Amino acid sequence: MNRWFSLLICSLALPVQALTFQTRMEDVQWSVDGDQFACRLAQTVSGYGEAVFVRRAGERPVFELNAWSNLLRPGRVHVYNQPPQWRPDARSQALGHAQVADNQPVVRVPQQQAGQMLAGLAQGMQPTILGDSWANATQPLQVVVSNVGYAAAWTEFQDCITGLLPMNFEQASNTTISFAAGGTALSGDAREVLDTVLVYLLADEDISGIQLDGHSDNVGNRLDNRELSRQRVLIVRDYLTERGVNEDLFNLRFHGERYPVASNQSAVGRAANRRVSLKLEK
């Protein structure tokens, strides 16, 4: 594959006859749908499946290729932006590689490359997935995303993005609230973190539990440190319940100095250990 891919990228047109899946210009349709948790910008690729840019709350967009019947052979595929036929002056832009999966999506392109694909669409290019075909090991297969009608679709996609929450479930469920030495009060930074989490908590009706675990550094005696961790958990719970979170969702645990995440031999390590961790359940 590397030989003919290198030839392809260095040329203005395909030097080999690739098995190509691309929607005819007059039939291209973009669709945008989503909610406060994720937005999708999708195009059906005739004969193959659906090409989708997905932006989840708190993340940059990724690209996913779903197939009605996967014709790409397992292994590495090439990702690039290809100029349309009416732009003979432009050259293909190699964006890197992705892997073919056994399930859906068959190809998932990470954030950096997906951003380059979107930038290519804005410049009139056509994002393309190029790999080996099940049908013919000597003939490459390419799936082409058309740029026709992209500008209007992008505007609608941006409108959806403005309504996304500031974070998603995984991000909210890995929240750490830090405390000063010997302290139980919430700092301005801690309140800012909790306010961001609060937006998510109030929006997601599927949350069935909120686990709060309190911790301390090892300064002082163990009983005092356990009490410190208890007070820290309570102040976090109270902050959230006072702003509308159901108190019945909370499960509270206080560990004192038992479970450090860093060495207590340094000020930086002790600061990392003075914390309340928040985990979510669905």
Protein backbone atom coordinates (compact mmCIF):
# COMPACT_ATOMS: atom_id res chain seq x y z
CA MET A 1 0.00 0.00 0.00
CA ASN A 2 2.80 2.44 0.81
CA ARG A 3 4.08 2.49 -2.76
CA TRP A 4 0.83 3.44 -4.44
CA PHE A 5 -0.14 5.77 -1.62
CA SER A 6 3.11 7.71 -2.04
CA LEU A 7 2.46 7.98 -5.74
CA LEU A 8 -1.08 9.18 -5.08
CA ILE A 9 -0.07 11.92 -2.65
CA CYS A 10 2.69 13.23 -4.91
CA SER A 11 0.41 13.51 -7.94
CA LEU A 12 -2.53 15.66 -8.93
CA ALA A 13 -4.77 12.74 -9.84
CA LEU A 14 -5.05 9.07 -8.98
CA PRO A 15 -2.32 7.08 -10.76
CA VAL A 16 -4.10 3.83 -9.99
CA GLN A 17 -7.71 2.78 -10.48
CA ALA A 18 -9.12 2.84 -6.96
CA LEU A 19 -12.50 1.38 -6.03
CA THR A 20 -14.18 4.65 -5.08
CA PHE A 21 -17.28 5.33 -3.02
CA GLN A 22 -18.50 8.91 -3.35
CA THR A 23 -21.93 10.48 -3.57
CA ARG A 24 -22.74 12.21 -6.84
CA MET A 25 -22.55 15.99 -6.57
CA GLU A 26 -26.26 16.50 -7.19
CA ASP A 27 -27.15 13.94 -4.51
CA VAL A 28 -24.89 15.14 -1.69
CA GLN A 29 -26.75 15.86 1.54
CA TRP A 30 -25.39 16.88 4.91
CA SER A 31 -27.35 16.38 8.11
CA VAL A 32 -26.82 17.93 11.53
CA ASP A 33 -28.32 16.61 14.72
CA GLY A 34 -27.45 16.64 18.38
CA ASP A 35 -28.25 17.78 21.87
CA GLN A 36 -26.36 19.23 24.80
CA PHE A 37 -24.21 16.10 25.04
CA ALA A 38 -22.97 15.70 21.43
CA CYS A 39 -23.37 17.13 17.92
CA ARG A 40 -23.10 15.17 14.65
CA LEU A 41 -22.32 16.44 11.16
CA ALA A 42 -23.00 13.57 8.75
CA GLN A 43 -22.98 12.75 5.05
CA THR A 44 -24.23 9.52 3.49
CA VAL A 45 -21.63 8.06 1.12
CA SER A 46 -23.48 6.25 -1.67
CA GLY A 47 -22.92 2.51 -1.65
CA TYR A 48 -20.79 2.50 1.48
CA GLY A 49 -22.24 4.04 4.61
CA GLU A 50 -22.06 7.26 6.59
CA ALA A 51 -19.22 9.69 7.23
CA VAL A 52 -19.70 11.57 10.50
CA PHE A 53 -17.92 14.31 12.40
CA VAL A 54 -18.83 14.00 16.07
CA ARG A 55 -18.17 16.63 18.71
CA ARG A 56 -18.92 15.54 22.25
CA ALA A 57 -19.31 17.99 25.11
CA GLY A 58 -15.91 19.05 26.43
CA GLU A 59 -13.99 17.62 23.45
CA ARG A 60 -12.84 18.51 19.94
CA PRO A 61 -14.45 16.79 16.93
CA VAL A 62 -13.51 13.28 15.80
CA PHE A 63 -14.34 11.62 12.49
CA GLU A 64 -16.14 8.28 12.22
CA LEU A 65 -16.82 6.14 9.18
CA ASN A 66 -19.73 3.72 9.49
CA ALA A 67 -20.24 1.04 6.86
CA TRP A 68 -23.37 -0.83 5.85
CA SER A 69 -21.08 -3.69 4.91
CA ASN A 70 -17.41 -3.12 5.58
CA LEU A 71 -15.33 -3.52 2.43
CA LEU A 72 -12.07 -2.29 3.95
CA ARG A 73 -9.54 -4.95 4.82
CA PRO A 74 -8.37 -4.87 8.49
CA GLY A 75 -5.19 -2.93 9.01
CA ARG A 76 -3.97 0.59 8.48
CA VAL A 77 -5.74 3.07 6.22
CA HIS A 78 -4.47 6.41 4.96
CA VAL A 79 -6.28 9.67 5.65
CA TYR A 80 -5.85 12.61 3.33
CA ASN A 81 -7.59 15.63 1.82
CA GLN A 82 -8.11 15.23 -1.91
CA PRO A 83 -8.86 18.07 -4.33
CA PRO A 84 -12.03 17.69 -6.41
CA GLN A 85 -11.67 17.02 -10.12
CA TRP A 86 -12.43 20.64 -10.98
CA ARG A 87 -9.30 21.80 -9.10
CA PRO A 88 -6.42 20.33 -11.16
CA ASP A 89 -4.01 22.87 -9.65
CA ALA A 90 -4.37 21.53 -6.11
CA ARG A 91 -2.46 18.65 -4.53
CA SER A 92 -3.56 15.97 -2.09
CA GLN A 93 -2.68 16.54 1.56
CA ALA A 94 -1.59 13.52 3.60
CA LEU A 95 -3.03 13.64 7.15
CA GLY A 96 -1.72 10.39 8.61
CA HIS A 97 -3.20 6.98 9.36
CA ALA A 98 -6.06 5.25 11.14
CA GLN A 99 -7.02 1.64 11.84
CA VAL A 100 -9.91 -0.41 10.49
CA ALA A 101 -12.03 -1.89 13.29
CA ASP A 102 -14.21 -5.01 13.32
CA ASN A 103 -17.20 -3.07 14.63
CA GLN A 104 -18.82 0.31 14.11
CA PRO A 105 -17.40 2.76 13.39
CA VAL A 106 -15.11 0.85 11.05
CA VAL A 107 -12.69 3.80 11.05
CA ARG A 108 -12.31 6.40 13.78
CA VAL A 109 -10.00 9.35 13.13
CA PRO A 110 -8.79 11.24 16.22
CA GLN A 111 -9.17 14.92 16.98
CA GLN A 112 -6.10 16.39 15.30
CA GLN A 113 -6.68 14.69 11.95
CA ALA A 114 -10.43 15.29 12.14
CA GLY A 115 -9.72 18.99 12.57
CA GLN A 116 -7.52 18.90 9.48
CA MET A 117 -10.31 17.15 7.57
CA LEU A 118 -12.76 19.88 8.56
CA ALA A 119 -10.25 22.54 7.57
CA GLY A 120 -9.85 20.81 4.22
CA LEU A 121 -13.59 20.86 3.63
CA ALA A 122 -13.61 24.61 4.33
CA GLN A 123 -10.87 24.99 1.70
CA GLY A 124 -12.81 23.03 -0.91
CA MET A 125 -10.99 19.73 -0.39
CA GLN A 126 -12.53 16.28 0.02
CA PRO A 127 -11.52 14.18 3.06
CA THR A 128 -10.72 10.65 1.94
CA ILE A 129 -10.08 7.30 3.59
CA LEU A 130 -7.82 5.05 1.48
CA GLY A 131 -7.10 1.42 2.27
CA ASP A 132 -6.98 -2.16 1.00
CA SER A 133 -10.17 -3.76 -0.25
CA TRP A 134 -11.54 -7.16 0.76
CA ALA A 135 -12.63 -7.67 -2.83
CA ASN A 136 -9.27 -7.15 -4.51
CA ALA A 137 -5.98 -7.16 -2.63
CA THR A 138 -4.24 -5.34 -5.50
CA GLN A 139 -6.81 -2.57 -5.82
CA PRO A 140 -7.12 0.16 -3.18
CA LEU A 141 -10.50 1.29 -1.91
CA GLN A 142 -11.27 4.91 -1.13
CA VAL A 143 -14.22 6.55 0.58
CA VAL A 144 -14.59 10.22 -0.33
CA VAL A 145 -16.49 12.86 1.64
CA SER A 146 -17.83 15.54 -0.71
CA ASN A 147 -17.42 19.23 0.05
CA VAL A 148 -20.65 20.17 -1.76
CA GLY A 149 -22.92 22.16 0.55
CA TYR A 150 -20.43 22.10 3.39
CA ALA A 151 -20.52 25.82 4.24
CA ALA A 152 -24.22 25.79 5.16
CA ALA A 153 -23.87 22.51 7.05
CA TRP A 154 -20.90 23.86 9.02
CA THR A 155 -22.91 26.89 10.13
CA GLU A 156 -25.67 24.61 11.40
CA PHE A 157 -23.09 22.39 13.12
CA GLN A 158 -21.61 25.43 14.87
CA ASP A 159 -25.07 26.41 16.11
CA CYS A 160 -25.39 22.95 17.66
CA ILE A 161 -21.93 23.18 19.24
CA THR A 162 -22.82 26.42 21.05
CA GLY A 163 -25.39 24.45 23.05
CA LEU A 164 -23.01 21.74 24.26
CA LEU A 165 -22.35 21.25 27.95
CA PRO A 166 -18.89 22.30 29.21
CA MET A 167 -17.91 18.67 29.87
CA ASN A 168 -19.03 15.09 29.22
CA PHE A 169 -19.74 12.16 31.54
CA GLU A 170 -16.19 10.82 31.61
CA GLN A 171 -14.73 14.24 32.37
CA ALA A 172 -17.27 14.97 35.10
CA SER A 173 -16.67 11.53 36.58
CA ASN A 174 -12.95 12.20 36.99
CA THR A 175 -13.19 15.44 38.92
CA THR A 176 -10.79 16.36 41.73
CA ILE A 177 -11.42 19.22 44.16
CA SER A 178 -8.27 20.45 45.92
CA PHE A 179 -7.89 21.96 49.40
CA ALA A 180 -5.36 24.09 51.25
CA ALA A 181 -3.18 22.59 53.99
CA GLY A 182 -5.37 21.83 56.99
CA GLY A 183 -8.31 23.51 55.30
CA THR A 184 -11.88 22.57 54.56
CA ALA A 185 -13.06 25.73 52.78
CA LEU A 186 -13.61 25.78 49.04
CA SER A 187 -11.21 28.03 47.18
CA GLY A 188 -12.24 30.09 44.17
CA ASP A 189 -10.67 27.50 41.87
CA ALA A 190 -12.53 24.69 43.65
CA ARG A 191 -15.83 26.52 43.27
CA GLU A 192 -15.14 27.06 39.59
CA VAL A 193 -14.51 23.33 39.12
CA LEU A 194 -17.70 22.45 41.00
CA ASP A 195 -19.75 24.98 39.04
CA THR A 196 -18.66 23.33 35.80
CA VAL A 197 -19.53 19.88 37.13
CA LEU A 198 -22.83 21.22 38.42
CA VAL A 199 -23.94 22.19 34.91
CA TYR A 200 -23.46 18.58 33.85
CA LEU A 201 -25.09 17.08 36.96
CA LEU A 202 -28.25 19.12 36.50
CA ALA A 203 -28.46 18.25 32.80
CA ASP A 204 -27.96 14.47 32.85
CA GLU A 205 -31.08 12.73 34.16
CA ASP A 206 -29.44 9.32 33.83
CA ILE A 207 -27.03 9.84 36.74
CA SER A 208 -27.88 7.29 39.43
CA GLY A 209 -25.11 7.98 41.94
CA ILE A 210 -22.39 10.44 42.95
CA GLN A 211 -19.43 9.03 44.86
CA LEU A 212 -17.40 11.47 46.95
CA ASP A 213 -14.11 10.31 48.48
CA GLY A 214 -12.28 12.59 50.90
CA HIS A 215 -8.50 12.51 51.41
CA SER A 216 -5.77 14.36 53.28
CA ASP A 217 -1.99 14.55 53.37
CA ASN A 218 -0.08 12.93 56.25
CA VAL A 219 0.59 16.08 58.27
CA GLY A 220 -0.85 15.65 61.78
CA ASN A 221 -2.35 12.55 63.33
CA ARG A 222 -4.54 10.03 61.56
CA LEU A 223 -7.74 10.77 63.46
CA ASP A 224 -7.52 14.48 62.70
CA ASN A 225 -6.76 13.74 59.07
CA ARG A 226 -9.77 11.46 58.75
CA GLU A 227 -11.95 14.21 60.20
CA LEU A 228 -10.45 16.68 57.74
CA SER A 229 -11.33 14.37 54.87
CA ARG A 230 -14.87 14.01 56.23
CA GLN A 231 -15.38 17.76 56.44
CA ARG A 232 -14.05 18.22 52.92
CA VAL A 233 -16.52 15.69 51.54
CA LEU A 234 -19.40 17.34 53.40
CA ILE A 235 -18.61 20.80 52.10
CA VAL A 236 -18.49 19.51 48.52
CA ARG A 237 -21.80 17.69 48.96
CA ASP A 238 -23.43 20.73 50.56
CA TYR A 239 -22.20 23.02 47.79
CA LEU A 240 -23.84 20.82 45.17
CA THR A 241 -27.08 20.08 47.02
CA GLU A 242 -27.61 23.75 47.82
CA ARG A 243 -27.58 24.35 44.06
CA GLY A 244 -30.11 21.72 43.13
CA VAL A 245 -28.43 18.28 43.11
CA ASN A 246 -30.51 15.56 44.77
CA GLU A 247 -28.94 14.66 48.13
CA ASP A 248 -30.08 11.05 47.76
CA LEU A 249 -27.59 10.55 44.92
CA PHE A 250 -24.54 10.93 47.16
CA ASN A 251 -22.41 8.20 48.69
CA LEU A 252 -19.73 9.59 51.02
CA ARG A 253 -16.44 8.06 52.12
CA PHE A 254 -13.62 9.53 54.24
CA HIS A 255 -10.14 8.06 53.98
CA GLY A 256 -7.83 10.53 55.69
CA GLU A 257 -4.21 9.91 54.65
CA ARG A 258 -4.65 6.25 53.66
CA TYR A 259 -4.68 6.60 49.87
CA PRO A 260 -2.14 9.18 48.66
CA VAL A 261 -1.79 9.81 44.94
CA ALA A 262 1.64 11.40 45.37
CA SER A 263 4.52 11.38 47.81
CA ASN A 264 3.94 13.29 51.04
CA GLN A 265 7.66 14.09 51.12
CA SER A 266 7.17 17.24 49.04
CA ALA A 267 4.83 20.21 49.19
CA VAL A 268 3.61 19.44 45.68
CA GLY A 269 2.82 15.85 46.63
CA ARG A 270 1.00 16.87 49.81
CA ALA A 271 -1.08 19.37 47.85
CA ALA A 272 -2.12 16.64 45.41
CA ASN A 273 -3.21 14.42 48.31
CA ARG A 274 -5.50 17.03 49.89
CA ARG A 275 -8.52 16.36 47.73
CA VAL A 276 -12.06 15.15 47.23
CA SER A 277 -12.59 12.95 44.21
CA LEU A 278 -15.97 12.84 42.48
CA LYS A 279 -17.18 9.85 40.49
CA LEU A 280 -20.50 9.40 38.69
CA GLU A 281 -22.63 6.33 38.14
CA LYS A 282 -25.34 5.60 35.61
